[in-house]
Amino acid sequence: MRFFKKSQPAVNAEPKEVSPSDTPVGTTARNSSVAYDGKPVTDMAPPPPVHLEEPEARTKALILGGIASIGGFLFGYESGQISGFLQMTDFIARFGSNGFDAARQGTIVALLCAGTLAGCLASGYVCDRIGRRLTISASAFFYIVGVVIEITSGERGASTDWVQFAMGRFTAGLGIGALSTSVPMYQSESVPASVRGAIVASYQLAITFGILVASAQWRIPNGLSALWAIVLGTLILFMPESPRYAYRQGRIEEARRTMASLIKGGEPHGPYVDQQIREIQERQEAEEVGGDHPWYEIITIPNMRYRVFLGMALQAGQQLTGANFFFYYGTTIFRSTGIENSFVTSIILGAVNVLATIVGIFFVVKMVGRRKALMWGAAVMCGCFFIYSFVGSFEIDADNPTNSKTGGGILIAFTCIFIAAFATTWGPLVWAITGEIYPARYRATCLAIATASNWLLNFLISFFTTFITNKINYWYGLVFGVSTFVLFFIVYFFLPETKDRSMEEIDSMFILGVPARKSVNWKLSDAGPEGLAGLNTDTMRYANGGKEIKKGDARGNLMVEDAARFPEAGSATV
């Protein structure tokens, strides 16, 4: 990738009058310049770089993040309860006939994930059309439709009643999938940077809490999940819209009020809010100068293609750690070890998951680097799965598991260690990282694609696990052991350190191609004057379908241009 400059031909244009409400404090209007597409735009003189201290977040910011995270609770609740359902006498009597074969069990478990895959792919478009807040509310109420379909099934006594229950899970999955994209996006765009990592990671905490409490006869937890959806769908309407989305819709004062309300001592026209509004305004002006930005630029632009595949690898990797293998089939697995009360074991695992996630959010996310935490987590989980596979295969008596209490105890112990490693690292951090690495211009699309890879692997694992374990039993753990081994090196070679960095700094790291292994000590000043002036993807256009950077705008920012859509720009020179 090369940076190009070319002198801009003089064009006579009348200066565009800029009202005070359109010009944030600290910027001054200068003469109008003509964009490369021939449309006049106002050129704002960039102020010298000023780094204001990050204000402390107000309680309202924590409440906003907490309410949105109920979306994670719904997923944890819906996915965690199915492991217990498959062992309940009433559920088996209504839907299992003489028991669940692999196809029926896999379909019931996996259709939730199929729905979430479709829901998250559609959510990026919906978020940009009606806003993050309304998307969350609509998704929550759509989830209720699925719950109603589930709890009204099994009344006819027909052999096909299980199909209605399975389709109810698919419908509920559509809502959960949309929430899995819109909730982290809403949180990352709304809350101050000082608590952004912890707030976005709380989505995973809510998932673990939902898994923990999902126990009782099947209609009771199903009905209660609708109550949580009503709480989310209603309360989110009393929360403000994402300030970045509000600004893009022309609701500037609303964006200012929201930003001020989320920080202590915040004023709608105070210096910190002015700085944030200025950044949003500059990015939006640059986007308008650049014209339309088709979705395929996320693949054709080199640094964006890197980020898209990195986000997909991390989200798919969260599933390939094997955590949901235990949560979907945990009760069944540990009953086979001969442990008398497998439901108690499942509750213990859920409690470990919640407590470890709390540690992960309030210690690991805030104190330990993203790279170090993910690599340590992958290494520990890899060891646990190898032990799980060999102990299960050689120490558990498949014909009479009650003779293998020692082996069963070892499985429980290393499963708890595995869950603690997952919940403190790959559980919360993946959501935080994928919310940080994408620029505003492409965030909705990229998050939807990355999250879809998570749901796709979730679907495949949940559907095929029964078939696979019936064939190779505990050796199945080696699949996840090898996966975590590979994930260790993916993080080491490809993931730059994002802890305690602004989204602008993270964006600059990807644009400049900072090696992941050297990113821990990288500083924005290392980017030189261009980096300090605000080098970022949202102020760029790309030539040749996004394959090279071309030209600079009137402010001196690097722009990117598609020659096919802007032929008057001419050829570029170094």
Protein backbone atom coordinates (compact mmCIF):
# COMPACT_ATOMS: atom_id res chain seq x y z
CA MET A 1 0.00 0.00 0.00
CA ARG A 2 1.44 3.41 -0.96
CA PHE A 3 0.41 6.93 -0.03
CA PHE A 4 -0.12 9.30 -2.95
CA LYS A 5 -0.28 13.06 -3.20
CA LYS A 6 -1.28 15.26 -6.08
CA SER A 7 -1.83 18.98 -6.21
CA GLN A 8 -5.50 19.84 -6.48
CA PRO A 9 -6.52 22.11 -9.37
CA ALA A 10 -7.86 25.47 -8.38
CA VAL A 11 -11.63 25.63 -8.66
CA ASN A 12 -13.77 28.66 -8.16
CA ALA A 13 -16.38 27.98 -5.53
CA GLU A 14 -18.43 30.13 -3.28
CA PRO A 15 -17.63 29.66 0.41
CA LYS A 16 -20.27 27.70 2.23
CA GLU A 17 -21.61 29.45 5.28
CA VAL A 18 -21.27 27.37 8.42
CA SER A 19 -23.52 28.06 11.36
CA PRO A 20 -22.20 27.90 14.93
CA SER A 21 -24.32 24.82 15.59
CA ASP A 22 -22.58 23.02 12.72
CA THR A 23 -19.10 23.94 13.91
CA PRO A 24 -18.01 22.40 17.20
CA VAL A 25 -16.06 24.48 19.69
CA GLY A 26 -12.39 24.43 18.85
CA THR A 27 -12.82 24.33 15.06
CA THR A 28 -13.02 27.29 12.73
CA ALA A 29 -14.60 27.45 9.33
CA ARG A 30 -12.29 28.21 6.42
CA ASN A 31 -12.87 28.69 2.71
CA SER A 32 -14.87 26.04 0.95
CA SER A 33 -12.98 23.55 -1.16
CA VAL A 34 -14.23 21.25 -3.89
CA ALA A 35 -14.24 17.51 -3.31
CA TYR A 36 -12.93 15.12 -5.92
CA ASP A 37 -16.48 14.21 -6.91
CA GLY A 38 -17.13 17.86 -7.76
CA LYS A 39 -19.33 18.63 -4.75
CA PRO A 40 -18.36 21.57 -2.54
CA VAL A 41 -17.68 20.74 1.08
CA THR A 42 -16.68 22.88 4.02
CA ASP A 43 -13.06 22.58 5.00
CA MET A 44 -12.55 22.80 8.71
CA ALA A 45 -9.13 23.80 10.00
CA PRO A 46 -8.00 20.98 12.28
CA PRO A 47 -7.00 22.17 15.73
CA PRO A 48 -3.62 21.18 17.10
CA PRO A 49 -3.69 17.73 18.74
CA VAL A 50 -4.99 18.02 22.28
CA HIS A 51 -5.24 14.96 24.48
CA LEU A 52 -7.85 15.54 27.16
CA GLU A 53 -7.91 13.29 30.19
CA GLU A 54 -10.59 10.62 29.97
CA PRO A 55 -13.44 11.58 32.37
CA GLU A 56 -14.76 9.05 34.85
CA ALA A 57 -17.87 7.20 33.73
CA ARG A 58 -21.12 7.97 35.51
CA THR A 59 -23.40 5.34 36.99
CA LYS A 60 -25.77 5.87 34.06
CA ALA A 61 -23.12 4.47 31.69
CA LEU A 62 -22.93 1.29 33.78
CA ILE A 63 -26.72 1.01 33.88
CA LEU A 64 -26.91 1.47 30.10
CA GLY A 65 -24.34 -1.27 29.57
CA GLY A 66 -26.02 -3.55 32.11
CA ILE A 67 -29.47 -3.24 30.57
CA ALA A 68 -28.13 -3.96 27.09
CA SER A 69 -26.27 -7.01 28.42
CA ILE A 70 -29.58 -8.68 29.25
CA GLY A 71 -29.40 -9.70 25.59
CA GLY A 72 -26.49 -11.94 26.54
CA PHE A 73 -28.47 -13.37 29.43
CA LEU A 74 -31.21 -14.44 27.02
CA PHE A 75 -28.73 -16.41 24.93
CA GLY A 76 -27.11 -18.03 27.96
CA TYR A 77 -30.51 -18.89 29.40
CA GLU A 78 -31.83 -20.37 26.15
CA SER A 79 -28.68 -22.38 25.39
CA GLY A 80 -27.95 -23.49 28.95
CA GLN A 81 -31.38 -24.91 29.66
CA ILE A 82 -31.39 -27.37 26.75
CA SER A 83 -28.76 -29.58 28.40
CA GLY A 84 -31.11 -30.11 31.33
CA PHE A 85 -34.23 -30.42 29.15
CA LEU A 86 -32.79 -33.46 27.39
CA GLN A 87 -32.70 -35.30 30.74
CA MET A 88 -36.13 -34.23 32.08
CA THR A 89 -38.79 -36.92 32.24
CA ASP A 90 -41.63 -34.67 31.08
CA PHE A 91 -39.61 -33.32 28.16
CA ILE A 92 -38.59 -36.83 27.10
CA ALA A 93 -42.18 -38.06 27.37
CA ARG A 94 -43.50 -35.25 25.16
CA PHE A 95 -40.75 -35.00 22.55
CA GLY A 96 -38.46 -38.00 22.85
CA SER A 97 -40.80 -40.95 22.32
CA ASN A 98 -38.45 -43.74 23.42
CA GLY A 99 -35.54 -41.36 23.81
CA PHE A 100 -33.69 -38.91 21.58
CA ASP A 101 -31.74 -40.24 18.67
CA ALA A 102 -28.71 -38.29 17.50
CA ALA A 103 -30.53 -36.54 14.64
CA ARG A 104 -33.44 -35.34 16.76
CA GLN A 105 -31.26 -34.25 19.67
CA GLY A 106 -28.82 -32.47 17.36
CA THR A 107 -31.63 -30.69 15.51
CA ILE A 108 -33.32 -29.44 18.69
CA VAL A 109 -30.02 -28.14 20.08
CA ALA A 110 -28.65 -26.71 16.84
CA LEU A 111 -31.68 -24.89 15.41
CA LEU A 112 -31.21 -22.14 18.00
CA CYS A 113 -27.77 -21.51 16.48
CA ALA A 114 -29.15 -21.62 12.94
CA GLY A 115 -31.59 -18.88 13.89
CA THR A 116 -28.90 -16.79 15.53
CA LEU A 117 -26.74 -17.07 12.40
CA ALA A 118 -29.54 -15.66 10.24
CA GLY A 119 -30.43 -13.03 12.83
CA CYS A 120 -26.94 -11.62 13.21
CA LEU A 121 -26.38 -11.43 9.43
CA ALA A 122 -29.54 -9.33 9.06
CA SER A 123 -28.88 -7.18 12.12
CA GLY A 124 -26.12 -5.03 10.59
CA TYR A 125 -28.53 -3.61 8.01
CA VAL A 126 -31.31 -3.18 10.58
CA CYS A 127 -28.99 -1.39 13.02
CA ASP A 128 -28.04 1.16 10.38
CA ARG A 129 -31.66 1.67 9.31
CA ILE A 130 -33.54 2.07 12.61
CA GLY A 131 -30.73 2.52 15.13
CA ARG A 132 -29.04 0.34 17.71
CA ARG A 133 -31.53 0.95 20.51
CA LEU A 134 -34.69 0.11 18.53
CA THR A 135 -32.99 -2.95 17.03
CA ILE A 136 -32.29 -4.26 20.54
CA SER A 137 -35.89 -3.67 21.63
CA ALA A 138 -37.41 -5.24 18.50
CA SER A 139 -35.09 -8.26 18.76
CA ALA A 140 -36.06 -8.86 22.38
CA PHE A 141 -39.76 -8.90 21.56
CA PHE A 142 -39.14 -11.12 18.53
CA TYR A 143 -37.41 -13.55 20.87
CA ILE A 144 -40.64 -13.75 22.90
CA VAL A 145 -42.45 -15.04 19.81
CA GLY A 146 -40.05 -17.98 19.72
CA VAL A 147 -40.55 -18.67 23.42
CA VAL A 148 -44.34 -18.77 22.96
CA ILE A 149 -43.94 -21.29 20.13
CA GLU A 150 -41.76 -23.45 22.40
CA ILE A 151 -43.94 -23.51 25.51
CA THR A 152 -47.14 -24.20 23.54
CA SER A 153 -45.65 -27.30 21.93
CA GLY A 154 -46.07 -30.87 23.15
CA GLU A 155 -49.82 -30.67 23.81
CA ARG A 156 -51.12 -32.74 20.91
CA GLY A 157 -49.26 -35.91 21.80
CA ALA A 158 -48.16 -36.27 18.19
CA SER A 159 -44.80 -37.71 17.20
CA THR A 160 -43.98 -34.47 15.40
CA ASP A 161 -44.48 -32.17 18.41
CA TRP A 162 -40.73 -31.85 18.76
CA VAL A 163 -40.64 -30.04 15.39
CA GLN A 164 -42.71 -27.18 16.82
CA PHE A 165 -40.37 -26.91 19.79
CA ALA A 166 -37.33 -26.93 17.49
CA MET A 167 -38.82 -24.21 15.26
CA GLY A 168 -39.56 -22.17 18.37
CA ARG A 169 -35.85 -22.33 19.17
CA PHE A 170 -35.05 -21.24 15.60
CA THR A 171 -37.40 -18.26 15.91
CA ALA A 172 -35.98 -17.30 19.30
CA GLY A 173 -32.52 -17.60 17.73
CA LEU A 174 -33.36 -14.91 15.18
CA GLY A 175 -33.85 -12.44 18.03
CA ILE A 176 -30.79 -13.61 19.95
CA GLY A 177 -28.60 -13.38 16.84
CA ALA A 178 -29.64 -9.79 16.21
CA LEU A 179 -28.93 -8.99 19.88
CA SER A 180 -25.46 -10.53 19.65
CA THR A 181 -24.48 -7.87 17.10
CA SER A 182 -26.54 -4.87 18.20
CA VAL A 183 -25.75 -5.08 21.94
CA PRO A 184 -21.91 -4.98 21.71
CA MET A 185 -22.19 -2.30 18.99
CA TYR A 186 -24.50 -0.15 21.13
CA GLN A 187 -22.26 -0.55 24.16
CA SER A 188 -18.97 0.17 22.38
CA GLU A 189 -20.39 3.28 20.67
CA SER A 190 -22.06 4.71 23.77
CA VAL A 191 -19.96 4.23 26.89
CA PRO A 192 -16.71 6.08 27.67
CA ALA A 193 -13.46 4.41 26.65
CA SER A 194 -12.38 4.00 30.29
CA VAL A 195 -15.05 1.34 30.86
CA ARG A 196 -15.65 0.19 27.29
CA GLY A 197 -13.80 -3.11 27.60
CA ALA A 198 -15.51 -4.10 30.84
CA ILE A 199 -18.98 -3.04 29.66
CA VAL A 200 -18.78 -4.92 26.35
CA ALA A 201 -17.32 -7.95 28.14
CA SER A 202 -20.30 -7.90 30.53
CA TYR A 203 -22.30 -9.33 27.62
CA GLN A 204 -20.39 -12.57 28.20
CA LEU A 205 -21.02 -12.33 31.96
CA ALA A 206 -24.74 -12.14 31.26
CA ILE A 207 -24.46 -15.24 29.05
CA THR A 208 -22.79 -17.19 31.88
CA PHE A 209 -25.37 -16.03 34.40
CA GLY A 210 -28.15 -17.15 32.08
CA ILE A 211 -26.56 -20.59 31.79
CA LEU A 212 -26.33 -20.83 35.58
CA VAL A 213 -29.98 -20.09 36.37
CA ALA A 214 -31.46 -22.19 33.56
CA SER A 215 -32.59 -25.16 35.63
CA ALA A 216 -36.13 -26.41 36.48
CA GLN A 217 -38.82 -28.32 34.60
CA TRP A 218 -38.75 -27.19 31.02
CA ARG A 219 -41.83 -24.95 30.74
CA ILE A 220 -40.89 -22.87 33.80
CA PRO A 221 -37.48 -21.66 32.57
CA ASN A 222 -38.85 -21.18 29.07
CA GLY A 223 -41.61 -18.92 30.36
CA LEU A 224 -39.21 -16.98 32.58
CA SER A 225 -36.94 -16.26 29.62
CA ALA A 226 -39.81 -14.31 28.05
CA LEU A 227 -39.95 -12.17 31.20
CA TRP A 228 -36.29 -11.20 30.76
CA ALA A 229 -36.94 -10.35 27.12
CA ILE A 230 -39.80 -8.06 28.16
CA VAL A 231 -37.48 -6.34 30.66
CA LEU A 232 -34.82 -5.79 27.99
CA GLY A 233 -37.21 -4.74 25.23
CA THR A 234 -38.92 -2.21 27.51
CA LEU A 235 -36.04 -0.74 29.52
CA ILE A 236 -33.81 -0.22 26.49
CA LEU A 237 -36.43 2.21 25.16
CA PHE A 238 -35.74 4.45 28.17
CA MET A 239 -32.01 4.48 27.39
CA PRO A 240 -30.52 7.02 24.95
CA GLU A 241 -29.58 6.12 21.41
CA SER A 242 -25.93 5.58 20.59
CA PRO A 243 -24.50 9.12 20.32
CA ARG A 244 -22.57 8.22 17.16
CA TYR A 245 -25.69 6.91 15.46
CA ALA A 246 -27.71 9.95 16.64
CA TYR A 247 -25.11 12.33 15.20
CA ARG A 248 -25.12 10.55 11.86
CA GLN A 249 -28.89 11.02 11.76
CA GLY A 250 -28.50 14.78 12.26
CA ARG A 251 -29.52 14.75 15.93
CA ILE A 252 -26.42 16.62 17.11
CA GLU A 253 -27.76 18.05 20.37
CA GLU A 254 -29.10 14.63 21.35
CA ALA A 255 -25.65 13.17 20.77
CA ARG A 256 -24.07 15.88 22.92
CA ARG A 257 -26.56 15.37 25.77
CA THR A 258 -26.04 11.60 25.71
CA MET A 259 -22.26 11.89 25.84
CA ALA A 260 -22.42 14.40 28.69
CA SER A 261 -24.86 12.25 30.66
CA LEU A 262 -22.50 9.26 30.66
CA ILE A 263 -19.46 10.98 32.23
CA LYS A 264 -19.05 12.66 35.58
CA GLY A 265 -19.13 16.44 35.34
CA GLY A 266 -20.00 16.23 31.68
CA GLU A 267 -21.44 19.28 29.92
CA PRO A 268 -23.11 19.09 26.50
CA HIS A 269 -20.80 21.86 25.26
CA GLY A 270 -17.83 21.11 27.51
CA PRO A 271 -14.31 20.49 26.14
CA TYR A 272 -14.44 16.68 26.30
CA VAL A 273 -17.80 16.43 24.53
CA ASP A 274 -16.62 19.03 22.00
CA GLN A 275 -13.59 16.88 21.24
CA GLN A 276 -15.72 13.75 20.77
CA ILE A 277 -18.22 15.58 18.55
CA ARG A 278 -15.38 17.05 16.52
CA GLU A 279 -13.98 13.58 15.82
CA ILE A 280 -17.39 12.26 14.77
CA GLN A 281 -18.00 15.32 12.58
CA GLU A 282 -14.65 15.05 10.82
CA ARG A 283 -15.21 11.40 10.10
CA GLN A 284 -18.69 11.99 8.75
CA GLU A 285 -17.51 14.87 6.54
CA ALA A 286 -14.74 12.68 5.17
CA GLU A 287 -17.23 9.92 4.41
CA GLU A 288 -19.52 12.37 2.60
CA VAL A 289 -16.59 13.64 0.54
CA GLY A 290 -15.68 10.06 -0.31
CA GLY A 291 -19.13 9.23 -1.62
CA ASP A 292 -20.73 5.85 -1.12
CA HIS A 293 -18.67 3.06 0.40
CA PRO A 294 -19.87 -0.32 -0.90
CA TRP A 295 -19.80 -3.25 1.48
CA TYR A 296 -17.17 -5.12 -0.54
CA GLU A 297 -14.55 -2.56 0.51
CA ILE A 298 -14.17 -4.57 3.71
CA ILE A 299 -12.60 -7.27 1.52
CA THR A 300 -10.79 -5.19 -1.11
CA ILE A 301 -9.13 -2.79 1.35
CA PRO A 302 -6.05 -4.64 2.64
CA ASN A 303 -6.16 -3.50 6.28
CA MET A 304 -9.90 -4.10 6.43
CA ARG A 305 -9.61 -7.58 4.91
CA TYR A 306 -7.06 -8.38 7.61
CA ARG A 307 -9.43 -7.19 10.32
CA VAL A 308 -12.45 -9.03 8.92
CA PHE A 309 -10.64 -12.37 8.87
CA LEU A 310 -9.07 -11.70 12.27
CA GLY A 311 -12.49 -10.98 13.79
CA MET A 312 -13.94 -14.09 12.18
CA ALA A 313 -11.04 -16.20 13.48
CA LEU A 314 -11.50 -14.89 17.03
CA GLN A 315 -15.28 -15.34 17.06
CA ALA A 316 -15.09 -18.80 15.48
CA GLY A 317 -12.23 -19.56 17.86
CA GLN A 318 -14.44 -18.79 20.83
CA GLN A 319 -16.58 -21.73 19.78
CA LEU A 320 -13.63 -23.93 18.82
CA THR A 321 -12.33 -23.69 22.39
CA GLY A 322 -15.07 -26.25 23.11
CA ALA A 323 -16.77 -24.34 25.93
CA ASN A 324 -20.29 -24.85 24.59
CA PHE A 325 -19.60 -28.56 24.24
CA PHE A 326 -19.85 -28.71 28.05
CA PHE A 327 -22.79 -26.34 28.37
CA TYR A 328 -24.93 -28.03 25.71
CA TYR A 329 -24.17 -31.60 26.74
CA GLY A 330 -22.67 -31.21 30.22
CA THR A 331 -25.47 -32.93 32.12
CA THR A 332 -25.41 -35.89 29.73
CA ILE A 333 -21.62 -36.15 29.82
CA PHE A 334 -21.30 -36.19 33.58
CA ARG A 335 -24.16 -38.59 34.09
CA SER A 336 -22.11 -41.06 32.08
CA THR A 337 -19.26 -40.72 34.57
CA GLY A 338 -21.40 -42.28 37.30
CA ILE A 339 -21.79 -39.09 39.37
CA GLU A 340 -25.12 -39.46 41.13
CA ASN A 341 -26.58 -35.96 40.74
CA SER A 342 -25.49 -34.60 37.38
CA PHE A 343 -27.78 -31.56 37.72
CA VAL A 344 -25.79 -30.45 40.77
CA THR A 345 -22.62 -30.86 38.72
CA SER A 346 -24.11 -28.70 35.98
CA ILE A 347 -24.97 -25.99 38.52
CA ILE A 348 -21.42 -26.13 39.90
CA LEU A 349 -20.01 -25.65 36.41
CA GLY A 350 -22.36 -22.71 35.86
CA ALA A 351 -21.29 -21.11 39.13
CA VAL A 352 -17.60 -21.50 38.20
CA ASN A 353 -18.39 -19.90 34.85
CA VAL A 354 -20.07 -16.86 36.43
CA LEU A 355 -17.45 -16.30 39.13
CA ALA A 356 -14.57 -16.67 36.68
CA THR A 357 -16.22 -14.30 34.21
CA ILE A 358 -16.53 -11.67 36.95
CA VAL A 359 -12.80 -12.07 37.62
CA GLY A 360 -12.16 -11.81 33.89
CA ILE A 361 -14.14 -8.58 33.50
CA PHE A 362 -12.89 -6.71 36.57
CA PHE A 363 -9.29 -7.95 36.57
CA VAL A 364 -8.16 -9.53 33.30
CA VAL A 365 -9.94 -7.09 30.95
CA LYS A 366 -8.74 -4.03 32.86
CA MET A 367 -5.32 -5.18 34.11
CA VAL A 368 -3.91 -7.77 31.68
CA GLY A 369 -3.20 -7.25 28.00
CA ARG A 370 -5.55 -8.82 25.47
CA ARG A 371 -2.79 -10.80 23.75
CA LYS A 372 -1.25 -12.21 26.92
CA ALA A 373 -4.63 -13.22 28.36
CA LEU A 374 -5.83 -14.96 25.19
CA MET A 375 -2.57 -16.88 24.77
CA TRP A 376 -2.53 -18.05 28.39
CA GLY A 377 -6.18 -19.02 28.15
CA ALA A 378 -5.62 -21.02 24.96
CA ALA A 379 -2.64 -22.84 26.51
CA VAL A 380 -4.54 -23.84 29.66
CA MET A 381 -7.64 -24.95 27.74
CA CYS A 382 -5.48 -26.99 25.36
CA GLY A 383 -3.95 -28.90 28.29
CA CYS A 384 -7.35 -29.46 29.92
CA PHE A 385 -8.86 -30.97 26.79
CA PHE A 386 -5.94 -33.35 26.26
CA ILE A 387 -6.29 -34.54 29.86
CA TYR A 388 -10.08 -34.80 29.45
CA SER A 389 -9.70 -36.93 26.32
CA PHE A 390 -7.10 -39.36 27.67
CA VAL A 391 -8.65 -39.74 31.13
CA GLY A 392 -12.13 -40.22 29.66
CA SER A 393 -10.89 -42.78 27.15
CA PHE A 394 -8.68 -44.84 29.47
CA GLU A 395 -10.15 -44.36 32.96
CA ILE A 396 -13.93 -44.30 32.42
CA ASP A 397 -15.61 -47.67 32.13
CA ALA A 398 -17.98 -47.21 29.18
CA ASP A 399 -20.07 -50.25 30.15
CA ASN A 400 -20.38 -49.40 33.84
CA PRO A 401 -19.45 -45.76 34.55
CA THR A 402 -20.26 -46.12 38.27
CA ASN A 403 -17.02 -48.05 38.61
CA SER A 404 -15.05 -44.97 37.49
CA LYS A 405 -15.73 -42.42 40.22
CA THR A 406 -12.05 -41.43 40.41
CA GLY A 407 -11.87 -40.84 36.68
CA GLY A 408 -15.16 -38.96 36.80
CA GLY A 409 -13.83 -36.71 39.56
CA ILE A 410 -10.76 -35.92 37.44
CA LEU A 411 -13.01 -34.99 34.52
CA ILE A 412 -15.03 -32.65 36.74
CA ALA A 413 -11.89 -31.01 38.15
CA PHE A 414 -10.28 -30.31 34.78
CA THR A 415 -13.59 -29.24 33.31
CA CYS A 416 -13.81 -26.60 36.07
CA ILE A 417 -10.24 -25.49 35.34
CA PHE A 418 -11.10 -25.29 31.64
CA ILE A 419 -14.23 -23.23 32.28
CA ALA A 420 -12.30 -20.87 34.58
CA ALA A 421 -9.66 -20.36 31.85
CA PHE A 422 -12.32 -19.76 29.20
CA ALA A 423 -14.44 -17.44 31.32
CA THR A 424 -11.52 -15.21 32.29
CA THR A 425 -10.07 -14.92 28.77
CA TRP A 426 -11.76 -16.08 25.57
CA GLY A 427 -15.27 -15.65 26.95
CA PRO A 428 -15.31 -11.88 27.64
CA LEU A 429 -12.29 -10.67 25.66
CA VAL A 430 -13.42 -11.79 22.21
CA TRP A 431 -16.53 -9.62 22.43
CA ALA A 432 -14.47 -6.65 23.62
CA ILE A 433 -11.84 -7.02 20.89
CA THR A 434 -14.27 -7.39 17.99
CA GLY A 435 -16.03 -4.25 19.24
CA GLU A 436 -12.73 -2.33 19.12
CA ILE A 437 -10.96 -3.26 15.89
CA TYR A 438 -13.43 -2.00 13.26
CA PRO A 439 -13.81 1.64 12.11
CA ALA A 440 -17.22 3.30 12.30
CA ARG A 441 -17.72 3.24 8.53
CA TYR A 442 -17.75 -0.55 8.36
CA ARG A 443 -18.49 -1.52 11.98
CA ALA A 444 -22.04 -2.83 11.54
CA THR A 445 -21.17 -5.00 8.54
CA CYS A 446 -17.92 -6.33 10.00
CA LEU A 447 -19.42 -7.13 13.39
CA ALA A 448 -22.30 -8.97 11.75
CA ILE A 449 -19.91 -11.10 9.67
CA ALA A 450 -17.58 -11.82 12.60
CA THR A 451 -20.46 -12.75 14.90
CA ALA A 452 -21.96 -14.93 12.16
CA SER A 453 -18.80 -17.05 12.18
CA ASN A 454 -19.36 -17.61 15.90
CA TRP A 455 -22.94 -18.76 15.35
CA LEU A 456 -21.99 -20.92 12.37
CA LEU A 457 -19.44 -22.86 14.44
CA ASN A 458 -21.91 -22.94 17.32
CA PHE A 459 -24.48 -24.56 15.01
CA LEU A 460 -22.04 -27.11 13.60
CA ILE A 461 -20.74 -28.12 17.05
CA SER A 462 -24.18 -28.37 18.63
CA PHE A 463 -25.64 -30.39 15.73
CA PHE A 464 -22.81 -32.84 15.09
CA THR A 465 -21.57 -33.37 18.65
CA THR A 466 -24.02 -36.19 19.38
CA PHE A 467 -23.06 -38.03 16.18
CA ILE A 468 -19.34 -37.59 16.87
CA THR A 469 -19.39 -38.56 20.55
CA ASN A 470 -21.42 -41.65 19.69
CA LYS A 471 -18.51 -42.72 17.46
CA ILE A 472 -15.35 -41.57 19.23
CA ASN A 473 -16.64 -40.59 22.70
CA TYR A 474 -14.02 -38.74 24.77
CA TRP A 475 -11.51 -38.54 21.91
CA TYR A 476 -13.72 -35.73 20.60
CA GLY A 477 -11.90 -33.49 23.10
CA LEU A 478 -8.75 -33.70 20.97
CA VAL A 479 -10.54 -31.66 18.26
CA PHE A 480 -10.84 -28.75 20.68
CA GLY A 481 -7.39 -29.37 22.13
CA VAL A 482 -5.80 -28.97 18.69
CA SER A 483 -8.02 -25.95 17.95
CA THR A 484 -6.87 -24.10 21.08
CA PHE A 485 -3.25 -24.94 20.19
CA VAL A 486 -3.74 -23.25 16.79
CA LEU A 487 -5.57 -20.29 18.37
CA PHE A 488 -2.53 -19.60 20.57
CA PHE A 489 -0.43 -18.89 17.48
CA ILE A 490 -3.18 -16.95 15.68
CA VAL A 491 -3.20 -14.51 18.60
CA TYR A 492 0.60 -14.41 18.80
CA PHE A 493 1.18 -13.62 15.13
CA PHE A 494 -1.92 -11.65 14.10
CA LEU A 495 -3.66 -9.86 17.00
CA PRO A 496 -2.21 -6.45 17.97
CA GLU A 497 -2.56 -5.28 21.57
CA THR A 498 -5.67 -3.08 21.96
CA LYS A 499 -5.82 -2.63 25.74
CA ASP A 500 -6.00 1.02 26.91
CA ARG A 501 -5.98 2.32 23.34
CA SER A 502 -8.56 4.56 21.74
CA MET A 503 -10.37 3.29 18.66
CA GLU A 504 -8.43 5.85 16.63
CA GLU A 505 -5.10 4.44 17.83
CA ILE A 506 -6.25 0.88 17.07
CA ASP A 507 -7.34 1.96 13.60
CA SER A 508 -3.95 3.60 12.98
CA MET A 509 -2.15 0.40 14.03
CA PHE A 510 -4.00 -1.63 11.41
CA ILE A 511 -3.57 1.01 8.68
CA LEU A 512 0.17 1.22 9.28
CA GLY A 513 0.55 -2.56 9.55
CA VAL A 514 2.12 -2.56 13.01
CA PRO A 515 3.35 -6.15 13.62
CA ALA A 516 1.26 -7.86 16.30
CA ARG A 517 4.37 -8.99 18.19
CA LYS A 518 5.62 -5.38 18.44
CA SER A 519 2.26 -3.77 19.15
CA VAL A 520 2.47 -3.87 22.95
CA ASN A 521 5.08 -1.09 23.02
CA TRP A 522 3.78 0.81 20.00
CA LYS A 523 2.77 4.45 20.55
CA LEU A 524 0.71 6.77 18.36
CA SER A 525 3.74 9.08 18.11
CA ASP A 526 5.51 6.27 16.25
CA ALA A 527 3.18 6.96 13.32
CA GLY A 528 4.78 10.39 12.82
CA PRO A 529 2.91 13.63 12.04
CA GLU A 530 0.30 11.88 9.92
CA GLY A 531 -0.61 9.55 12.75
CA LEU A 532 -0.77 12.34 15.30
CA ALA A 533 -3.01 14.29 12.96
CA GLY A 534 -5.56 11.49 13.03
CA LEU A 535 -4.78 8.82 10.44
CA ASN A 536 -7.87 6.61 10.28
CA THR A 537 -9.90 4.52 7.89
CA ASP A 538 -12.99 6.72 8.13
CA THR A 539 -11.14 9.63 6.47
CA MET A 540 -9.91 7.60 3.53
CA ARG A 541 -10.97 6.56 0.07
CA TYR A 542 -9.37 3.81 -1.96
CA ALA A 543 -8.36 3.43 -5.60
CA ASN A 544 -8.70 0.31 -7.74
CA GLY A 545 -11.53 -1.16 -5.70
CA GLY A 546 -9.81 -0.40 -2.41
CA LYS A 547 -6.37 -1.79 -3.25
CA GLU A 548 -4.36 1.41 -2.80
CA ILE A 549 -4.60 4.74 -1.04
CA LYS A 550 -4.94 7.72 -3.36
CA LYS A 551 -4.68 11.48 -2.86
CA GLY A 552 -5.15 13.78 0.07
CA ASP A 553 -8.12 15.95 0.95
CA ALA A 554 -8.06 19.70 1.54
CA ARG A 555 -7.05 19.19 5.17
CA GLY A 556 -4.05 17.12 4.24
CA ASN A 557 -5.65 13.92 5.46
CA LEU A 558 -4.97 10.86 3.35
CA MET A 559 -7.98 10.00 1.24
CA VAL A 560 -8.91 6.87 -0.63
CA GLU A 561 -10.63 6.93 -3.94
CA ASP A 562 -12.20 4.55 -6.41
CA ALA A 563 -11.06 5.68 -9.85
CA ALA A 564 -14.09 4.05 -11.47
CA ARG A 565 -16.45 6.30 -9.48
CA PHE A 566 -14.19 9.38 -9.52
CA PRO A 567 -12.54 9.42 -12.99
CA GLU A 568 -11.87 13.15 -12.85
CA ALA A 569 -9.23 12.55 -10.18
CA GLY A 570 -6.77 11.44 -12.83
CA SER A 571 -3.69 9.36 -12.28
CA ALA A 572 -1.86 9.53 -9.01
CA THR A 573 1.75 10.41 -8.51
CA VAL A 574 4.03 9.67 -5.64
